[in-house]
Amino acid sequence: MADQYISDRKANRDRLRALGVDPYGGRFPDVETATSVRERVEACGVGPGETAEGERARVAGRIALLRPMGNLVFMTMRDKSGAFQLGLSKKALREQWPAIKELDLGDIVGADGSLGRTKTEEPTLWVDSFTLLCKALRPPPEKWHGLADVEARYRQRYVDLFANPDVREAFVSRSTILDALRQFLRDRAFLEVETPMLQPQYGGAAARPFTTHHNTLDMDLFLRISPELYLKRLLVGGLERVFEVNRNFRNEGLSTQHNPEFTMLEAYQAYGDYNDMMELTESLVAACIERLDGTFQRRFGELALDFTPPWSRRTYSDLLEEHAGVNLRDLAGVRKKATSLGIDHTKKDDDVVINDVFEATVEDRLIQPTFVLDYPAGICPLTRRKPDDDTLAQRFEAFVAGMELANAYTELNDPEVQRTNFQAQLAGQDETMAVMDEDFVRALEHGMPPAGGLGMGIDRLAMLLTDQASIRDVILFPLQRPRES
């Protein structure tokens, strides 16, 4: 059936060419949006069945509905702002009228005409000049209700966007969030920078990298898993407030919260610490919400969330005791709990086991925006220790709806401690999960100011603020398995 639809549309295209109509159009400037034209109709006060004197408009968009009525055709056209009705008559279009019969749903058209209303009061552009801008050879989803199959939506995002206005609006909101985020940081004197995506040595996070090869230099390179170590080099260089909206790549699993290619914000502030980063996180999210709609009480699926600052602040140790029933210092008790949860802990360091138990028992219960403070130092090799307890790191993670949104540190700037931490991480983990970055340690030896650092998942922030259940709903082209042939 699909092949027949395409054949029919190709036949319509060929008939248009025979009529002297270019089915793929050209430049069509000075177009108004559908919403703007609708507002103009409302403002001019034209009544049912009337045309507004001297009120003309030019519009362009995709045909969403065709209703032939003899010598009159009503057409609903949809653009980025919404839908608007066009009225086309044989009397007004004359020589162009035969081409109207060859139009199909999904074709992209342009029109000039006068503003008015139908007898049923629908705002309408009465067309006196019509232009075909692109002939669609494939039909849109059945009855323009949009793609229903989730996998098809992700694979054919181009159709998903024009067929489902809610999907398109979610990506417009994502762009708004990014714009608000950048403006907020610029207003606080942060400088936006760019660091390498291709790195000779990956680092800044515990993750497996994607590997590639540079032919001319005959060297392996890695797609970055984090820009952290490069951004902190800039602090050494005297750029005291920097941020990057960066694409990261991690050769790991897929889920509703994970995509191998994803977008992060990382920001570093000299002379600050993780307390400054908590305030920065709250204020940054608030700025995004203000730009979107100003609504701090938001829905996320079945959850009612309140993003009003200040957010809750809880210590890692208190939450572990509350939800796992074990004390951070009771290592035997922690391992016993891990066993009961089915966590294999026989070859893991104590702090790694503690965090496995925390992830299994606590994170899903952190629904309202919450800062979790003071993580076990052994899993935080880039973080300054607490002055009164060197077994804990000055680190927080921000959770919302059981999902990690942000991660921040008081940055470690002692080069000797940093080298020791790297060495301990190398000795205690899979070799694919840690590296020794000698140049970064060398940079610290030149002196890095005390600083706070923040990493925030932009995809997850977009999910939360636009009420999207999966990360694939806020990434335009998420990674998909190849189709079966």
Protein backbone atom coordinates (compact mmCIF):
# COMPACT_ATOMS: atom_id res chain seq x y z
CA MET A 1 0.00 0.00 0.00
CA ALA A 2 2.85 2.40 0.83
CA ASP A 3 4.34 1.82 -2.63
CA GLN A 4 1.00 2.66 -4.22
CA TYR A 5 0.78 5.94 -2.26
CA ILE A 6 4.25 6.90 -3.49
CA SER A 7 3.38 5.96 -7.09
CA ASP A 8 0.21 8.07 -6.94
CA ARG A 9 2.12 11.05 -5.58
CA LYS A 10 4.80 10.73 -8.24
CA ALA A 11 2.05 10.75 -10.86
CA ASN A 12 0.64 13.94 -9.32
CA ARG A 13 4.15 15.45 -9.40
CA ASP A 14 4.55 14.59 -13.07
CA ARG A 15 1.17 16.17 -13.91
CA LEU A 16 2.25 19.32 -12.09
CA ARG A 17 5.39 19.47 -14.22
CA ALA A 18 3.23 19.05 -17.33
CA LEU A 19 1.23 22.08 -16.16
CA GLY A 20 4.45 24.10 -15.93
CA VAL A 21 4.62 23.96 -12.10
CA ASP A 22 7.99 23.31 -10.45
CA PRO A 23 7.16 20.72 -7.75
CA TYR A 24 10.18 21.79 -5.67
CA GLY A 25 9.64 25.52 -5.66
CA GLY A 26 12.16 28.15 -4.65
CA ARG A 27 12.61 31.25 -2.54
CA PHE A 28 9.44 32.49 -0.84
CA PRO A 29 10.35 35.48 1.38
CA ASP A 30 8.44 37.66 3.88
CA VAL A 31 6.30 34.88 5.33
CA GLU A 32 4.16 35.47 8.44
CA THR A 33 3.50 32.77 10.99
CA ALA A 34 0.08 31.16 11.29
CA THR A 35 -0.27 32.48 14.82
CA SER A 36 0.52 36.05 13.73
CA VAL A 37 -2.03 35.89 10.92
CA ARG A 38 -4.69 34.50 13.26
CA GLU A 39 -4.02 37.34 15.70
CA ARG A 40 -4.39 39.88 12.90
CA VAL A 41 -7.79 38.45 11.98
CA GLU A 42 -8.91 38.75 15.59
CA ALA A 43 -7.57 42.31 15.85
CA CYS A 44 -9.27 43.65 12.72
CA GLY A 45 -12.73 42.62 13.96
CA VAL A 46 -13.92 41.07 10.70
CA GLY A 47 -17.28 39.30 11.00
CA PRO A 48 -18.61 35.92 9.75
CA GLY A 49 -18.44 35.60 5.96
CA GLU A 50 -16.54 38.88 5.61
CA THR A 51 -13.13 39.84 4.21
CA ALA A 52 -11.10 42.55 5.93
CA GLU A 53 -10.55 45.54 3.67
CA GLY A 54 -6.86 45.97 2.81
CA GLU A 55 -5.66 43.22 5.17
CA ARG A 56 -3.36 40.88 3.26
CA ALA A 57 -0.93 38.19 4.35
CA ARG A 58 1.64 35.72 3.04
CA VAL A 59 2.01 32.31 4.69
CA ALA A 60 3.85 29.05 4.07
CA GLY A 61 3.69 25.61 5.61
CA ARG A 62 2.72 21.97 5.25
CA ILE A 63 -0.76 20.83 4.20
CA ALA A 64 -2.41 19.10 7.16
CA LEU A 65 -5.99 18.87 5.82
CA LEU A 66 -7.66 19.11 2.40
CA ARG A 67 -11.41 19.53 1.94
CA PRO A 68 -12.47 19.85 -1.73
CA MET A 69 -15.96 21.32 -2.19
CA GLY A 70 -16.47 21.61 -5.96
CA ASN A 71 -15.03 24.93 -7.07
CA LEU A 72 -13.80 25.65 -3.54
CA VAL A 73 -11.07 23.95 -1.50
CA PHE A 74 -10.42 24.52 2.18
CA MET A 75 -6.91 23.68 3.26
CA THR A 76 -5.42 23.61 6.75
CA MET A 77 -1.77 24.65 6.61
CA ARG A 78 0.60 24.05 9.54
CA ASP A 79 3.83 25.90 10.26
CA LYS A 80 6.13 26.09 13.31
CA SER A 81 3.63 28.23 15.23
CA GLY A 82 0.41 26.34 14.58
CA ALA A 83 -2.32 25.84 11.99
CA PHE A 84 -4.31 28.22 9.80
CA GLN A 85 -7.04 27.74 7.22
CA LEU A 86 -6.65 28.69 3.57
CA GLY A 87 -9.61 29.18 1.27
CA LEU A 88 -8.92 28.49 -2.44
CA SER A 89 -11.49 29.11 -5.16
CA LYS A 90 -11.48 28.40 -8.89
CA LYS A 91 -12.67 31.96 -9.52
CA ALA A 92 -9.75 33.58 -7.65
CA LEU A 93 -6.97 31.25 -8.84
CA ARG A 94 -8.03 30.77 -12.47
CA GLU A 95 -4.94 29.46 -14.34
CA GLN A 96 -3.54 27.97 -11.13
CA TRP A 97 -6.67 25.97 -10.36
CA PRO A 98 -5.74 22.75 -12.26
CA ALA A 99 -2.60 22.46 -10.10
CA ILE A 100 -4.68 22.51 -6.91
CA LYS A 101 -6.17 19.12 -7.82
CA GLU A 102 -2.69 17.55 -7.76
CA LEU A 103 -1.92 18.54 -4.16
CA ASP A 104 -1.55 15.97 -1.38
CA LEU A 105 -1.37 15.98 2.39
CA GLY A 106 2.15 16.82 3.50
CA ASP A 107 2.98 19.06 0.53
CA ILE A 108 4.68 22.32 1.48
CA VAL A 109 2.92 25.36 0.01
CA GLY A 110 2.97 29.15 0.05
CA ALA A 111 0.01 31.46 -0.39
CA ASP A 112 -0.88 35.15 -0.65
CA GLY A 113 -4.35 36.51 -0.05
CA SER A 114 -6.83 38.55 1.96
CA LEU A 115 -7.76 37.97 5.58
CA GLY A 116 -11.31 37.15 6.57
CA ARG A 117 -13.65 34.64 8.16
CA THR A 118 -15.89 31.90 6.83
CA LYS A 119 -19.60 31.89 7.61
CA THR A 120 -18.76 29.56 10.52
CA GLU A 121 -16.36 32.28 11.80
CA GLU A 122 -13.12 30.37 11.11
CA PRO A 123 -10.20 32.79 10.47
CA THR A 124 -9.20 32.22 6.85
CA LEU A 125 -6.76 33.48 4.25
CA TRP A 126 -8.67 33.81 0.98
CA VAL A 127 -5.96 32.91 -1.49
CA ASP A 128 -5.40 34.74 -4.78
CA SER A 129 -1.85 33.51 -5.44
CA PHE A 130 -0.64 30.01 -4.68
CA THR A 131 2.86 28.46 -4.84
CA LEU A 132 3.90 24.82 -4.47
CA LEU A 133 7.19 24.83 -2.56
CA CYS A 134 7.81 21.08 -2.20
CA LYS A 135 5.92 18.00 -3.33
CA ALA A 136 5.91 15.29 -0.63
CA LEU A 137 6.33 11.83 -2.19
CA ARG A 138 5.57 9.98 1.04
CA PRO A 139 2.27 10.46 2.89
CA PRO A 140 2.20 11.80 6.46
CA PRO A 141 1.01 9.51 9.28
CA GLU A 142 -2.57 8.30 8.89
CA LYS A 143 -5.06 11.15 9.25
CA TRP A 144 -2.26 13.40 10.52
CA HIS A 145 -2.59 11.99 14.03
CA GLY A 146 1.15 11.57 14.17
CA LEU A 147 3.44 8.61 14.52
CA ALA A 148 2.19 6.29 17.25
CA ASP A 149 4.95 3.68 17.11
CA VAL A 150 7.66 4.84 19.49
CA GLU A 151 10.58 3.27 17.63
CA ALA A 152 9.34 4.70 14.33
CA ARG A 153 9.10 8.14 15.94
CA TYR A 154 12.75 8.06 17.00
CA ARG A 155 13.95 6.69 13.65
CA GLN A 156 11.87 9.14 11.63
CA ARG A 157 12.17 12.21 13.85
CA TYR A 158 11.61 14.42 10.79
CA VAL A 159 8.07 13.02 10.53
CA ASP A 160 7.59 13.00 14.30
CA LEU A 161 8.33 16.73 14.45
CA PHE A 162 5.91 17.87 11.77
CA ALA A 163 3.18 15.38 12.69
CA ASN A 164 3.23 15.82 16.50
CA PRO A 165 3.15 19.47 17.64
CA ASP A 166 3.78 18.44 21.26
CA VAL A 167 7.05 16.79 20.24
CA ARG A 168 8.13 19.88 18.36
CA GLU A 169 7.25 22.06 21.34
CA ALA A 170 9.39 19.92 23.66
CA PHE A 171 12.44 20.58 21.48
CA VAL A 172 11.64 24.29 21.28
CA SER A 173 11.56 24.24 25.10
CA ARG A 174 14.90 22.45 25.20
CA SER A 175 16.40 25.22 23.07
CA THR A 176 14.87 27.80 25.40
CA ILE A 177 16.45 26.04 28.40
CA LEU A 178 19.88 26.12 26.77
CA ASP A 179 19.53 29.79 25.90
CA ALA A 180 18.44 30.66 29.45
CA LEU A 181 21.30 28.63 30.91
CA ARG A 182 23.90 30.40 28.78
CA GLN A 183 22.49 33.84 29.53
CA PHE A 184 22.39 33.12 33.26
CA LEU A 185 26.04 32.11 33.32
CA ARG A 186 27.15 35.03 31.16
CA ASP A 187 25.34 37.39 33.54
CA ARG A 188 27.47 35.92 36.33
CA ALA A 189 30.67 36.63 34.39
CA PHE A 190 31.28 33.04 33.26
CA LEU A 191 33.12 32.69 29.97
CA GLU A 192 31.87 30.06 27.51
CA VAL A 193 34.76 27.99 26.13
CA GLU A 194 35.35 24.93 23.98
CA THR A 195 37.60 22.02 24.84
CA PRO A 196 38.66 19.02 22.70
CA MET A 197 36.24 16.25 21.86
CA LEU A 198 39.10 14.15 20.51
CA GLN A 199 41.49 13.54 23.39
CA PRO A 200 44.77 11.62 23.52
CA GLN A 201 43.88 10.63 27.09
CA TYR A 202 40.34 10.48 28.43
CA GLY A 203 39.47 11.44 31.99
CA GLY A 204 37.25 13.42 34.33
CA ALA A 205 34.76 10.63 34.94
CA ALA A 206 34.61 6.89 35.55
CA ALA A 207 33.34 5.63 32.19
CA ARG A 208 34.43 3.59 29.20
CA PRO A 209 35.38 5.71 26.18
CA PHE A 210 34.84 5.33 22.47
CA THR A 211 38.17 4.87 20.67
CA THR A 212 39.16 6.10 17.22
CA HIS A 213 42.39 6.46 15.26
CA HIS A 214 44.07 9.43 13.61
CA ASN A 215 45.74 8.22 10.44
CA THR A 216 48.23 11.03 9.83
CA LEU A 217 49.60 10.98 13.38
CA ASP A 218 49.13 7.20 13.62
CA MET A 219 47.72 7.49 17.14
CA ASP A 220 44.66 6.31 18.98
CA LEU A 221 42.32 9.00 20.29
CA PHE A 222 39.27 8.94 22.54
CA LEU A 223 35.95 10.71 22.31
CA ARG A 224 35.71 12.68 25.51
CA ILE A 225 33.81 11.31 28.46
CA SER A 226 34.08 14.68 30.27
CA PRO A 227 35.72 18.09 29.66
CA GLU A 228 36.58 18.47 33.36
CA LEU A 229 40.37 18.18 33.27
CA TYR A 230 40.67 20.61 30.36
CA LEU A 231 38.36 23.17 31.99
CA LYS A 232 40.39 23.07 35.20
CA ARG A 233 43.55 23.69 33.16
CA LEU A 234 41.85 26.96 32.17
CA LEU A 235 41.50 27.89 35.85
CA VAL A 236 45.26 27.41 36.11
CA GLY A 237 45.61 29.74 33.12
CA GLY A 238 43.70 32.52 34.86
CA LEU A 239 40.22 32.13 33.30
CA GLU A 240 38.51 32.26 36.67
CA ARG A 241 34.94 31.42 35.65
CA VAL A 242 34.42 29.11 32.69
CA PHE A 243 31.66 26.89 31.36
CA GLU A 244 31.05 24.58 28.44
CA VAL A 245 27.87 23.08 27.04
CA ASN A 246 29.49 19.93 25.77
CA ARG A 247 28.76 16.69 23.99
CA ASN A 248 30.12 13.70 25.90
CA PHE A 249 30.43 10.11 24.73
CA ARG A 250 30.40 7.05 26.97
CA ASN A 251 30.61 3.52 25.64
CA GLU A 252 27.99 2.13 27.99
CA GLY A 253 24.37 1.06 28.14
CA LEU A 254 21.14 2.67 27.01
CA SER A 255 18.11 3.36 29.20
CA THR A 256 15.39 5.94 29.70
CA GLN A 257 18.07 8.04 31.45
CA HIS A 258 21.17 7.18 29.38
CA ASN A 259 22.26 7.71 25.80
CA PRO A 260 25.87 7.04 24.70
CA GLU A 261 26.04 10.58 23.29
CA PHE A 262 24.65 13.23 25.61
CA THR A 263 24.87 16.92 26.53
CA MET A 264 26.36 18.25 29.75
CA LEU A 265 26.95 21.64 31.27
CA GLU A 266 30.22 21.90 33.16
CA ALA A 267 31.07 25.13 35.02
CA TYR A 268 34.03 26.05 37.23
CA GLN A 269 34.29 29.02 39.57
CA ALA A 270 37.61 30.05 41.11
CA TYR A 271 37.59 30.89 44.82
CA GLY A 272 34.35 28.99 45.36
CA ASP A 273 33.42 25.57 46.75
CA TYR A 274 30.56 23.08 46.61
CA ASN A 275 28.32 25.39 48.63
CA ASP A 276 28.59 27.98 45.87
CA MET A 277 27.78 25.26 43.36
CA MET A 278 24.58 24.36 45.25
CA GLU A 279 23.39 27.94 45.00
CA LEU A 280 24.46 28.06 41.35
CA THR A 281 22.49 24.88 40.58
CA GLU A 282 19.28 26.10 42.22
CA SER A 283 19.51 29.52 40.61
CA LEU A 284 20.35 28.14 37.18
CA VAL A 285 17.35 25.79 37.16
CA ALA A 286 15.18 28.63 38.43
CA ALA A 287 16.36 30.84 35.56
CA CYS A 288 15.42 28.11 33.05
CA ILE A 289 11.97 27.74 34.60
CA GLU A 290 11.40 31.51 34.57
CA ARG A 291 12.27 31.61 30.88
CA LEU A 292 9.95 28.70 30.09
CA ASP A 293 6.80 29.63 31.99
CA GLY A 294 7.62 30.61 35.60
CA THR A 295 5.96 27.47 37.01
CA PHE A 296 8.06 26.00 39.83
CA GLN A 297 5.45 23.33 40.70
CA ARG A 298 5.67 20.95 37.77
CA ARG A 299 4.43 17.52 36.75
CA PHE A 300 6.80 14.74 35.80
CA GLY A 301 4.71 11.73 34.90
CA GLU A 302 2.69 10.92 38.02
CA LEU A 303 4.96 13.01 40.25
CA ALA A 304 4.35 16.55 41.49
CA LEU A 305 7.69 18.33 41.83
CA ASP A 306 8.51 21.65 43.48
CA PHE A 307 11.67 23.36 42.19
CA THR A 308 11.31 26.41 44.44
CA PRO A 309 14.70 27.27 46.03
CA PRO A 310 16.17 26.44 48.44
CA TRP A 311 16.23 22.70 47.77
CA SER A 312 16.53 20.10 50.50
CA ARG A 313 20.07 19.34 51.72
CA ARG A 314 20.76 15.86 53.16
CA THR A 315 24.00 14.11 53.99
CA TYR A 316 24.95 10.89 52.27
CA SER A 317 25.48 9.14 55.62
CA ASP A 318 22.07 10.14 57.03
CA LEU A 319 20.27 8.95 53.90
CA LEU A 320 22.15 5.65 53.88
CA GLU A 321 21.18 4.99 57.49
CA GLU A 322 17.58 6.06 56.90
CA HIS A 323 16.90 3.96 53.81
CA ALA A 324 19.47 1.13 53.90
CA GLY A 325 19.55 0.73 57.68
CA VAL A 326 23.36 0.68 57.78
CA ASN A 327 25.97 3.07 59.10
CA LEU A 328 28.61 4.45 56.76
CA ARG A 329 31.34 3.38 59.21
CA ASP A 330 30.01 -0.15 59.69
CA LEU A 331 31.78 -1.77 56.77
CA ALA A 332 30.80 -5.29 57.77
CA GLY A 333 27.18 -4.18 57.98
CA VAL A 334 27.41 -2.50 54.59
CA ARG A 335 28.77 -5.66 52.95
CA LYS A 336 26.09 -7.75 54.62
CA LYS A 337 23.48 -5.38 53.20
CA ALA A 338 25.10 -5.63 49.77
CA THR A 339 24.82 -9.42 49.95
CA SER A 340 21.13 -9.18 50.83
CA LEU A 341 20.61 -6.91 47.82
CA GLY A 342 22.36 -9.34 45.48
CA ILE A 343 25.33 -7.00 44.92
CA ASP A 344 28.60 -8.78 44.13
CA HIS A 345 31.13 -7.04 46.35
CA THR A 346 33.91 -9.57 46.73
CA LYS A 347 36.48 -7.69 44.64
CA LYS A 348 35.39 -4.14 45.36
CA ASP A 349 36.82 -1.44 47.61
CA ASP A 350 34.78 -0.49 50.65
CA ASP A 351 33.71 2.89 49.31
CA VAL A 352 32.56 1.36 46.02
CA VAL A 353 30.42 -1.16 47.92
CA ILE A 354 28.97 1.60 50.09
CA ASN A 355 27.98 3.51 46.96
CA ASP A 356 26.48 0.40 45.34
CA VAL A 357 24.24 0.02 48.41
CA PHE A 358 23.38 3.74 48.33
CA GLU A 359 22.38 3.58 44.68
CA ALA A 360 20.24 0.50 45.27
CA THR A 361 18.40 1.76 48.36
CA VAL A 362 18.37 5.57 48.37
CA GLU A 363 18.40 7.18 44.95
CA ASP A 364 14.92 6.08 43.81
CA ARG A 365 13.44 7.68 46.94
CA LEU A 366 14.85 11.15 46.26
CA ILE A 367 11.80 12.60 44.52
CA GLN A 368 11.81 16.30 45.37
CA PRO A 369 14.92 18.30 44.35
CA THR A 370 17.55 17.26 46.89
CA PHE A 371 21.26 17.86 47.35
CA VAL A 372 23.07 14.81 48.74
CA LEU A 373 26.25 15.99 50.50
CA ASP A 374 29.60 14.50 51.48
CA TYR A 375 30.29 11.31 49.54
CA PRO A 376 32.85 8.64 50.49
CA ALA A 377 36.26 10.00 49.50
CA GLY A 378 37.36 6.79 47.76
CA ILE A 379 34.95 7.32 44.87
CA CYS A 380 35.85 11.02 44.45
CA PRO A 381 39.47 11.19 43.20
CA LEU A 382 39.15 14.78 41.92
CA THR A 383 37.54 16.21 45.05
CA ARG A 384 38.88 18.01 48.11
CA ARG A 385 38.33 16.15 51.40
CA LYS A 386 36.36 17.59 54.28
CA PRO A 387 38.72 19.38 56.69
CA ASP A 388 37.35 17.55 59.73
CA ASP A 389 37.04 14.08 58.13
CA ASP A 390 39.31 13.00 55.28
CA THR A 391 37.21 9.89 54.63
CA LEU A 392 34.51 12.15 53.14
CA ALA A 393 34.70 14.36 50.06
CA GLN A 394 33.19 17.82 49.60
CA ARG A 395 30.93 16.61 46.86
CA PHE A 396 27.20 16.76 46.23
CA GLU A 397 24.86 15.19 43.75
CA ALA A 398 21.47 16.75 43.02
CA PHE A 399 18.59 14.33 42.58
CA VAL A 400 15.10 14.93 41.23
CA ALA A 401 12.45 12.24 40.64
CA GLY A 402 14.98 9.58 41.67
CA MET A 403 17.34 10.70 38.91
CA GLU A 404 20.76 12.31 39.23
CA LEU A 405 20.62 15.79 37.71
CA ALA A 406 23.91 17.36 38.78
CA ASN A 407 27.25 16.50 40.35
CA ALA A 408 29.57 19.05 41.97
CA TYR A 409 32.79 19.27 43.96
CA THR A 410 35.03 21.49 45.93
CA GLU A 411 37.87 20.92 43.51
CA LEU A 412 41.12 19.31 44.59
CA ASN A 413 44.08 21.57 43.80
CA ASP A 414 46.92 19.82 45.66
CA PRO A 415 49.00 18.16 42.90
CA GLU A 416 50.60 15.57 45.19
CA VAL A 417 47.27 14.43 46.63
CA GLN A 418 45.84 14.38 43.08
CA ARG A 419 48.65 12.11 41.88
CA THR A 420 48.14 9.78 44.86
CA ASN A 421 44.39 9.61 44.18
CA PHE A 422 44.93 8.78 40.52
CA GLN A 423 47.34 6.02 41.49
CA ALA A 424 44.88 4.59 44.04
CA GLN A 425 42.08 4.67 41.46
CA LEU A 426 44.26 2.89 38.91
CA ALA A 427 45.11 0.18 41.43
CA GLY A 428 41.54 -0.38 42.53
CA GLN A 429 39.47 -0.33 39.34
CA ASP A 430 39.18 -1.87 35.91
CA GLU A 431 41.90 -0.28 33.78
CA THR A 432 39.26 1.03 31.35
CA MET A 433 37.73 3.14 34.11
CA ALA A 434 40.69 5.26 35.24
CA VAL A 435 43.78 6.95 33.82
CA MET A 436 46.83 8.81 35.07
CA ASP A 437 46.87 12.24 33.44
CA GLU A 438 50.42 13.47 34.00
CA ASP A 439 49.86 16.75 32.18
CA PHE A 440 46.89 17.59 34.41
CA VAL A 441 49.01 16.97 37.51
CA ARG A 442 51.71 19.16 35.94
CA ALA A 443 49.10 21.90 35.45
CA LEU A 444 48.17 21.69 39.14
CA GLU A 445 51.85 22.07 40.02
CA HIS A 446 51.70 25.53 38.42
CA GLY A 447 48.92 26.38 40.87
CA MET A 448 45.12 26.20 40.48
CA PRO A 449 43.02 28.49 42.68
CA PRO A 450 40.52 26.90 45.07
CA ALA A 451 37.37 26.34 43.06
CA GLY A 452 33.93 24.84 42.87
CA GLY A 453 32.95 22.74 39.86
CA LEU A 454 29.53 21.69 38.58
CA GLY A 455 28.36 19.16 36.01
CA MET A 456 24.68 19.09 35.02
CA GLY A 457 22.90 16.79 32.58
CA ILE A 458 21.12 18.98 30.04
CA ASP A 459 19.10 16.09 28.61
CA ARG A 460 17.81 15.16 32.06
CA LEU A 461 17.05 18.79 32.89
CA ALA A 462 15.03 19.00 29.66
CA MET A 463 13.21 15.77 30.58
CA LEU A 464 12.24 17.14 33.99
CA LEU A 465 11.13 20.58 32.81
CA THR A 466 9.16 19.35 29.78
CA ASP A 467 7.66 16.22 31.39
CA GLN A 468 9.27 13.68 29.06
CA ALA A 469 9.61 10.12 30.40
CA SER A 470 12.65 9.10 28.32
CA ILE A 471 15.92 10.78 27.41
CA ARG A 472 15.18 9.78 23.82
CA ASP A 473 12.23 12.20 23.90
CA VAL A 474 14.59 15.17 24.36
CA ILE A 475 17.40 14.08 22.00
CA LEU A 476 16.51 14.77 18.39
CA PHE A 477 18.33 11.74 17.00
CA PRO A 478 18.96 9.18 19.76
CA LEU A 479 21.10 6.15 19.04
CA GLN A 480 19.05 3.23 17.70
CA ARG A 481 19.83 -0.37 16.90
CA PRO A 482 20.17 -1.00 13.16
CA ARG A 483 16.96 -2.16 11.56
CA GLU A 484 16.58 -5.81 10.65
CA SER A 485 16.91 -6.11 6.87
